Structure formats: structure tokens, C-alpha cells
Amino acid sequence: MSRQRRLRVVGSRWWRTLWHTVGFPEHAVSWREQLVATVTAALGIAMVAWLTSTWIGNGRPNVHALWLMASIGASAVLVFGVPHSTLAQPWAVISGQSLSALAGTVAHVLGGGVVAAAAAVALAVIVMHSCRCVHPPGGATALSAVLAVSTAGPPGWSYVLSPVLLNAALVVVAGVVLNAPFRWRRYPVVLAYHQAAVAAGAQLGHEAPFTPRQLRAALDEVEAVVDVSDEELLAIYQALRRQQEQDALTADHLRIDGCYSNGQAGESWAVLQIIDAIEPGVRRAQFIVKTVAGRGRGEVRTIGQEELLGWGRYPVVPDGAVWHRVEPGPS
């Protein structure tokens, strides 16, 4: 490899590492999705503003009393920008906003200073976590209750009902209505992924690859807030399985010294390395392989090509302390 090419490779890796470190997404939604999100967000906020002003104006729109919270704009980004996010579901929006408003109203007794601001946001976070309704805009709602102390005076308890609960409920209604025409982004997420009952005599769909209990146990194991709904996680898993089937290992992918994983989990996982080939040009070619990782490590044996292709799932290479999966490609 020439020096110039090596510099390009090193530079490319450096940029990839930098983008990965700062959390820059490696994929983006389509222009169609971006356009739909933009239009529905605009219509949604307009709908919430009009209905809220009408409510406060006793049946007549009052442009001078819109009573919109600034944080409802952030809620709209979630409901219309990422409608299938766990942070954007009705329970998260309505309960997260309302409980955060309650937390801010409680914390405002400490005044409008630093202590009150910190207490409001902290209380909102613990309450939302405890009630499983984490909704980031709730932090701004709680903080608004404290900031009101130094501007318009302490908010009353009615602040929780109006504008907070009113705004949150209306943005959820707007999300349901405006996302309904688009089958792939219907809101809430259960409407997009749950199919109608199977008609009599129709073929049943595939079973789920994991049970709800297993999913809960897996999420508890990683101990992190995963911003993907159960339905989306299942859809992603099934899509990955289809991609794996399309990228199945073939004879063209096999090469001497290549390593291949069986893709299994736990104690069944193993990696074989092709040491040599016996009659590689014939249909029933055989290979001498060594188990270099996992179950049966150190074992050397002879295996037929068809058996190896049936056992292996994809090529792997050692990468530090772990094996790194690589895209299958002809030698």
C-alpha cells in the first residue's frame, strides 16, 4: 500500500472514530419522512395553539391567550419527528409533562434561585423514572415553574392542569390524528405494528423471536434507557434476520486461513479457521479446520464444504480482545 493511500485510510478511520465518539448517527431517515415530520409538526402545534386559545377564550379563539408552554415544542418534535420513540408515547408525554409540572410547582417554594432550579429538574427526573414516563421536555416544564417565581410570581396548582396537562393531551390527540394517514408512522406505536386479527383460513405470521419476559430481562441486564419501543425492537430484529439470510455464507466466501463464526450465543458459540483444503476444485470439497475460539477450542478436524456452509454464518477477524464481524466477500 502506498504512503498516500495509507494516509487516506488512517484519516478515514480517524474521522469515523471522531463521529462515533460525538454520537453522529450513521444513518438518516428518508426525505419523505423528514417532510412528513416537518408538516405534521407545524400542523400539530397550530392545532394545539388554536384549541388551547379556544378553550381559554370560552369558545372563541383568543390570539392573545395562546397559553402554550415552550416545552410543548420539544414534545412536538418527539411526537411528530420520532413518533415511535418510547419517549414520545402518550403515557410518557401526558404523565411526564404533568408530573414534571407538579415537581416544579413543589420546588418553587424554594424560590427562584439555583437551589430551586436544581431541585425542580432533579425531582422531575426521579418522578418520571419511577413512573416509567421519561419525557425530556418535562425537565423544561419543571424548570419553567421555578423561573416563573422571579418573573410573574409563583404558579398556582392550576398550572399542572392548564396549560401543562391541556397542552400535553392536545399534542397527543394531534399526533394520533395527523400521523394516522401514514401507515408506517401511525401513533401511538402499537397502531403501526400490531396487525389486525387474522381472517379465518389465512396464514398465520411468524412467531416473535423472543418473549416479553425475555425482552424485559435483556433490558434490565444492560441497565440503560433504550429509546426504542418493544414493537420497533422486534421489527429491527426481524429486519436484521432478513439481512443475514441475504448475506448467507457461500463457497465463494471460503478461503484458506479465513475464520468463520456460527453466530450462536452463549456456550454454543464457536469460531472455525480453515487450515487447508482437500480437493478444493470438486463439488464435495473438504477442509481441514481448527476451532480457534469458543466451544471445542483447539480441536482440529476435517469437514465437508456443505457442512461448513451450513454451520458457519459469517466471516470474522480478531480485533483486539474480541472477534469482529466482517461483510462476506469473495476471496
Protein backbone atom coordinates (compact mmCIF):
# COMPACT_ATOMS: atom_id res chain seq x y z
CA MET A 1 0.00 0.00 0.00
CA SER A 2 1.39 3.39 -0.97
CA ARG A 3 2.08 6.07 1.62
CA GLN A 4 -0.66 8.30 0.20
CA ARG A 5 -3.21 5.52 0.39
CA ARG A 6 -2.17 4.66 3.95
CA LEU A 7 -2.69 8.30 4.94
CA ARG A 8 -6.17 8.27 3.40
CA VAL A 9 -7.07 5.08 5.30
CA VAL A 10 -5.75 6.47 8.60
CA GLY A 11 -7.58 9.76 8.01
CA SER A 12 -10.82 7.95 7.20
CA ARG A 13 -10.57 5.87 10.37
CA TRP A 14 -9.84 8.99 12.43
CA TRP A 15 -12.95 10.72 11.13
CA ARG A 16 -15.10 7.63 11.74
CA THR A 17 -13.80 7.40 15.29
CA LEU A 18 -14.49 11.10 15.87
CA TRP A 19 -18.05 10.92 14.53
CA HIS A 20 -18.71 7.78 16.57
CA THR A 21 -17.36 9.45 19.71
CA VAL A 22 -19.60 12.51 19.40
CA GLY A 23 -22.60 10.30 18.60
CA PHE A 24 -23.18 11.33 14.98
CA PRO A 25 -25.77 8.88 13.54
CA GLU A 26 -24.58 6.59 10.76
CA HIS A 27 -27.96 6.57 9.07
CA ALA A 28 -30.71 9.08 8.40
CA VAL A 29 -34.41 8.83 7.61
CA SER A 30 -35.63 9.42 4.07
CA TRP A 31 -36.56 12.85 2.69
CA ARG A 32 -40.15 11.67 2.62
CA GLU A 33 -40.08 11.00 6.35
CA GLN A 34 -38.40 14.33 7.05
CA LEU A 35 -41.03 16.16 5.02
CA VAL A 36 -43.92 14.39 6.74
CA ALA A 37 -42.41 15.10 10.16
CA THR A 38 -41.98 18.78 9.32
CA VAL A 39 -45.51 19.28 8.01
CA THR A 40 -47.23 17.30 10.79
CA ALA A 41 -45.22 19.14 13.47
CA ALA A 42 -46.33 22.51 12.08
CA LEU A 43 -49.96 21.41 11.84
CA GLY A 44 -49.79 19.81 15.27
CA ILE A 45 -48.57 22.93 17.06
CA ALA A 46 -51.12 25.04 15.16
CA MET A 47 -53.84 22.62 16.24
CA VAL A 48 -52.75 22.70 19.89
CA ALA A 49 -52.48 26.51 19.89
CA TRP A 50 -55.91 27.01 18.32
CA LEU A 51 -57.68 24.53 20.60
CA THR A 52 -55.96 25.90 23.70
CA SER A 53 -56.81 29.51 22.89
CA THR A 54 -60.39 28.50 22.11
CA TRP A 55 -60.65 26.69 25.44
CA ILE A 56 -59.31 29.66 27.42
CA GLY A 57 -61.36 32.10 25.35
CA ASN A 58 -64.62 30.38 26.39
CA GLY A 59 -65.39 29.03 22.96
CA ARG A 60 -63.83 31.83 20.91
CA PRO A 61 -60.18 31.81 19.74
CA ASN A 62 -58.16 34.34 21.70
CA VAL A 63 -54.90 35.09 19.93
CA HIS A 64 -53.64 37.00 22.96
CA ALA A 65 -54.01 33.99 25.28
CA LEU A 66 -52.48 31.06 23.45
CA TRP A 67 -51.11 29.63 26.69
CA LEU A 68 -48.55 27.41 25.02
CA MET A 69 -45.65 26.06 27.06
CA ALA A 70 -42.25 26.36 25.40
CA SER A 71 -41.58 22.72 26.28
CA ILE A 72 -44.58 21.58 24.23
CA GLY A 73 -42.49 22.41 21.17
CA ALA A 74 -39.98 19.79 22.31
CA SER A 75 -42.82 17.34 22.87
CA ALA A 76 -43.98 18.00 19.31
CA VAL A 77 -40.50 17.17 17.99
CA LEU A 78 -40.78 13.75 19.64
CA VAL A 79 -44.42 13.06 18.72
CA PHE A 80 -44.06 14.11 15.09
CA GLY A 81 -40.32 13.67 14.49
CA VAL A 82 -39.85 10.27 16.14
CA PRO A 83 -43.42 9.06 16.81
CA HIS A 84 -42.35 5.52 17.69
CA SER A 85 -39.85 6.56 20.36
CA THR A 86 -40.62 5.34 23.88
CA LEU A 87 -40.11 8.96 24.98
CA ALA A 88 -42.92 10.08 22.65
CA GLN A 89 -45.67 7.65 23.60
CA PRO A 90 -48.90 9.03 25.17
CA TRP A 91 -48.05 7.80 28.66
CA ALA A 92 -44.65 9.48 28.52
CA VAL A 93 -45.98 12.75 27.09
CA ILE A 94 -49.01 13.22 29.34
CA SER A 95 -47.63 11.76 32.58
CA GLY A 96 -44.10 13.06 32.04
CA GLN A 97 -45.28 16.61 31.46
CA SER A 98 -47.88 16.61 34.23
CA LEU A 99 -45.68 15.05 36.90
CA SER A 100 -42.81 17.35 35.97
CA ALA A 101 -45.11 20.35 36.32
CA LEU A 102 -46.10 19.05 39.73
CA ALA A 103 -42.43 18.64 40.66
CA GLY A 104 -41.68 22.21 39.57
CA THR A 105 -44.65 23.55 41.49
CA VAL A 106 -43.42 21.82 44.64
CA ALA A 107 -39.83 23.04 44.14
CA HIS A 108 -40.88 26.67 43.60
CA VAL A 109 -41.31 27.06 47.37
CA LEU A 110 -37.51 27.25 47.49
CA GLY A 111 -37.66 30.46 45.49
CA GLY A 112 -36.37 31.20 42.02
CA GLY A 113 -32.69 30.58 42.61
CA VAL A 114 -30.17 27.90 41.76
CA VAL A 115 -31.27 25.51 44.50
CA ALA A 116 -34.90 25.61 43.39
CA ALA A 117 -33.96 25.11 39.72
CA ALA A 118 -31.78 22.12 40.50
CA ALA A 119 -34.40 20.63 42.82
CA ALA A 120 -37.17 21.02 40.22
CA VAL A 121 -35.28 19.19 37.47
CA ALA A 122 -33.93 16.51 39.82
CA LEU A 123 -37.38 15.85 41.26
CA ALA A 124 -38.86 15.66 37.76
CA VAL A 125 -36.22 13.11 36.70
CA ILE A 126 -36.75 10.79 39.68
CA VAL A 127 -40.54 11.01 39.40
CA MET A 128 -40.52 10.25 35.66
CA HIS A 129 -38.14 7.33 36.14
CA SER A 130 -40.24 5.95 38.99
CA CYS A 131 -43.43 6.17 36.95
CA ARG A 132 -41.81 4.92 33.72
CA CYS A 133 -42.74 8.05 31.84
CA VAL A 134 -39.38 9.62 30.98
CA HIS A 135 -40.08 12.56 28.68
CA PRO A 136 -37.14 15.02 28.27
CA PRO A 137 -39.32 18.13 27.73
CA GLY A 138 -40.62 17.53 31.25
CA GLY A 139 -37.36 18.93 32.60
CA ALA A 140 -38.10 22.25 30.90
CA THR A 141 -41.67 22.20 32.24
CA ALA A 142 -40.42 21.72 35.80
CA LEU A 143 -37.85 24.46 35.36
CA SER A 144 -40.48 26.86 33.97
CA ALA A 145 -42.43 26.62 37.22
CA VAL A 146 -39.37 27.79 39.14
CA LEU A 147 -38.45 30.55 36.68
CA ALA A 148 -41.99 31.92 36.96
CA VAL A 149 -41.24 32.84 40.58
CA SER A 150 -38.81 35.57 39.52
CA THR A 151 -40.98 36.85 36.64
CA ALA A 152 -44.74 36.52 37.06
CA GLY A 153 -44.84 35.19 40.60
CA PRO A 154 -45.31 31.65 41.93
CA PRO A 155 -47.51 29.45 39.71
CA GLY A 156 -50.69 28.10 41.20
CA TRP A 157 -51.57 24.43 41.31
CA SER A 158 -53.81 25.03 38.32
CA TYR A 159 -50.56 25.30 36.31
CA VAL A 160 -50.47 21.49 36.29
CA LEU A 161 -53.89 21.30 34.65
CA SER A 162 -53.63 24.31 32.36
CA PRO A 163 -51.58 24.81 30.36
CA VAL A 164 -49.46 21.70 31.08
CA LEU A 165 -51.95 18.81 31.07
CA LEU A 166 -54.11 20.55 28.47
CA ASN A 167 -51.16 21.10 26.10
CA ALA A 168 -49.83 17.57 26.59
CA ALA A 169 -53.20 15.92 25.98
CA LEU A 170 -53.82 18.01 22.87
CA VAL A 171 -50.43 17.26 21.33
CA VAL A 172 -51.12 13.54 21.82
CA VAL A 173 -54.51 13.89 20.11
CA ALA A 174 -52.86 15.82 17.28
CA GLY A 175 -50.24 13.08 17.00
CA VAL A 176 -52.90 10.40 16.63
CA VAL A 177 -54.89 12.36 14.05
CA LEU A 178 -52.06 13.72 11.90
CA ASN A 179 -49.98 10.53 11.82
CA ALA A 180 -52.98 8.30 11.05
CA PRO A 181 -52.84 8.72 7.22
CA PHE A 182 -49.28 7.35 7.14
CA ARG A 183 -49.40 3.61 7.85
CA TRP A 184 -45.71 3.31 8.68
CA ARG A 185 -45.75 6.05 11.32
CA ARG A 186 -49.15 5.75 12.96
CA TYR A 187 -49.21 6.93 16.56
CA PRO A 188 -49.03 5.54 19.17
CA VAL A 189 -46.58 2.88 18.08
CA VAL A 190 -48.96 -0.01 18.80
CA LEU A 191 -51.17 1.16 15.90
CA ALA A 192 -48.28 0.91 13.44
CA TYR A 193 -47.02 -2.56 14.29
CA HIS A 194 -49.93 -4.58 15.62
CA GLN A 195 -51.75 -6.24 12.76
CA ALA A 196 -55.48 -6.79 12.62
CA ALA A 197 -56.86 -10.16 13.62
CA VAL A 198 -56.06 -12.88 11.09
CA ALA A 199 -59.04 -13.75 8.92
CA ALA A 200 -60.38 -17.29 9.02
CA GLY A 201 -58.26 -19.58 6.86
CA ALA A 202 -55.47 -17.03 6.40
CA GLN A 203 -51.86 -18.00 7.01
CA LEU A 204 -50.54 -17.08 10.44
CA GLY A 205 -47.47 -14.87 10.74
CA HIS A 206 -44.12 -15.92 12.20
CA GLU A 207 -43.78 -16.17 15.94
CA ALA A 208 -41.82 -13.49 17.78
CA PRO A 209 -38.11 -14.33 18.24
CA PHE A 210 -38.31 -13.54 21.96
CA THR A 211 -40.97 -13.29 24.66
CA PRO A 212 -41.87 -10.08 26.54
CA ARG A 213 -40.27 -11.56 29.66
CA GLN A 214 -37.01 -12.22 27.82
CA LEU A 215 -37.04 -8.69 26.41
CA ARG A 216 -37.55 -7.18 29.86
CA ALA A 217 -34.75 -9.33 31.28
CA ALA A 218 -32.39 -8.28 28.48
CA LEU A 219 -33.11 -4.58 29.01
CA ASP A 220 -32.66 -4.97 32.76
CA GLU A 221 -29.32 -6.64 32.07
CA VAL A 222 -27.92 -3.68 30.10
CA GLU A 223 -29.32 -1.22 32.70
CA ALA A 224 -29.94 1.59 30.25
CA VAL A 225 -32.84 3.64 28.96
CA VAL A 226 -33.36 2.27 25.45
CA ASP A 227 -35.27 4.76 23.30
CA VAL A 228 -36.79 2.06 21.11
CA SER A 229 -40.27 0.64 21.63
CA ASP A 230 -40.76 -3.11 22.00
CA GLU A 231 -42.54 -3.21 18.63
CA GLU A 232 -39.72 -1.37 16.87
CA LEU A 233 -37.11 -3.56 18.53
CA LEU A 234 -38.90 -6.65 17.23
CA ALA A 235 -39.17 -5.14 13.74
CA ILE A 236 -35.45 -4.26 13.74
CA TYR A 237 -34.56 -7.78 14.86
CA GLN A 238 -36.63 -9.35 12.09
CA ALA A 239 -35.15 -6.98 9.51
CA LEU A 240 -31.64 -7.94 10.65
CA ARG A 241 -32.53 -11.62 10.30
CA ARG A 242 -33.65 -10.99 6.72
CA GLN A 243 -30.38 -9.19 6.00
CA GLN A 244 -28.45 -12.12 7.44
CA GLU A 245 -30.32 -14.54 5.21
CA GLN A 246 -29.49 -12.40 2.17
CA ASP A 247 -25.81 -12.32 3.19
CA ALA A 248 -25.60 -16.07 3.76
CA LEU A 249 -22.16 -17.68 3.58
CA THR A 250 -21.36 -19.26 0.20
CA ALA A 251 -18.48 -21.26 -1.25
CA ASP A 252 -17.04 -18.06 -2.79
CA HIS A 253 -16.54 -16.64 0.71
CA LEU A 254 -14.33 -19.50 1.92
CA ARG A 255 -10.56 -19.10 1.86
CA ILE A 256 -7.51 -20.62 3.49
CA ASP A 257 -6.75 -19.00 6.89
CA GLY A 258 -10.22 -17.46 6.98
CA CYS A 259 -12.17 -17.55 10.25
CA TYR A 260 -15.92 -18.14 10.44
CA SER A 261 -18.41 -17.88 13.31
CA ASN A 262 -21.53 -19.95 13.79
CA GLY A 263 -23.34 -16.87 15.12
CA GLN A 264 -24.62 -18.71 18.19
CA ALA A 265 -24.92 -17.27 21.69
CA GLY A 266 -23.54 -18.49 24.98
CA GLU A 267 -21.68 -21.79 25.23
CA SER A 268 -22.70 -22.85 21.71
CA TRP A 269 -20.66 -20.08 20.09
CA ALA A 270 -17.50 -21.09 18.22
CA VAL A 271 -15.12 -19.87 15.53
CA LEU A 272 -13.50 -22.16 12.97
CA GLN A 273 -10.41 -21.35 10.96
CA ILE A 274 -9.70 -23.07 7.63
CA ILE A 275 -6.20 -24.53 7.85
CA ASP A 276 -6.09 -26.28 4.48
CA ALA A 277 -8.33 -27.57 1.70
CA ILE A 278 -8.66 -31.07 0.30
CA GLU A 279 -9.69 -31.20 -3.36
CA PRO A 280 -10.98 -27.61 -3.43
CA GLY A 281 -11.94 -27.83 -7.11
CA VAL A 282 -14.50 -30.63 -6.76
CA ARG A 283 -18.12 -30.33 -5.74
CA ARG A 284 -17.66 -32.20 -2.46
CA ALA A 285 -14.60 -30.27 -1.36
CA GLN A 286 -13.34 -30.82 2.17
CA PHE A 287 -11.45 -28.56 4.52
CA ILE A 288 -9.17 -29.04 7.48
CA VAL A 289 -10.43 -26.67 10.15
CA LYS A 290 -9.39 -25.73 13.66
CA THR A 291 -11.66 -24.38 16.37
CA VAL A 292 -9.85 -21.23 17.43
CA ALA A 293 -12.45 -19.83 19.84
CA GLY A 294 -15.47 -20.96 21.79
CA ARG A 295 -16.77 -24.45 22.24
CA GLY A 296 -14.21 -27.15 21.35
CA ARG A 297 -11.31 -24.70 21.15
CA GLY A 298 -8.11 -26.32 19.84
CA GLU A 299 -9.91 -29.16 18.06
CA VAL A 300 -8.71 -29.96 14.52
CA ARG A 301 -10.90 -31.93 12.13
CA THR A 302 -11.94 -32.44 8.53
CA ILE A 303 -15.29 -31.05 7.40
CA GLY A 304 -17.14 -31.05 4.10
CA GLN A 305 -17.89 -27.83 2.29
CA GLU A 306 -21.66 -28.21 2.57
CA GLU A 307 -21.41 -28.93 6.27
CA LEU A 308 -19.15 -25.93 6.82
CA LEU A 309 -21.53 -23.63 4.95
CA GLY A 310 -24.45 -24.97 6.96
CA TRP A 311 -22.56 -24.43 10.22
CA GLY A 312 -21.00 -21.02 9.54
CA ARG A 313 -22.91 -17.75 9.40
CA TYR A 314 -20.32 -15.08 8.56
CA PRO A 315 -16.57 -14.35 8.45
CA VAL A 316 -14.86 -12.84 11.48
CA VAL A 317 -11.43 -11.38 12.23
CA PRO A 318 -9.71 -10.82 15.59
CA ASP A 319 -9.92 -7.20 16.73
CA GLY A 320 -8.12 -6.63 20.00
CA ALA A 321 -9.81 -8.70 22.69
CA VAL A 322 -12.89 -9.55 20.60
CA TRP A 323 -13.84 -11.03 17.25
CA HIS A 324 -15.10 -8.53 14.71
CA ARG A 325 -17.71 -9.50 12.15
CA VAL A 326 -16.92 -8.56 8.55
CA GLU A 327 -19.09 -8.38 5.47
CA PRO A 328 -18.90 -11.62 3.47
CA GLY A 329 -16.95 -11.19 0.26
CA PRO A 330 -15.25 -13.41 -2.30
CA SER A 331 -11.58 -14.11 -1.72
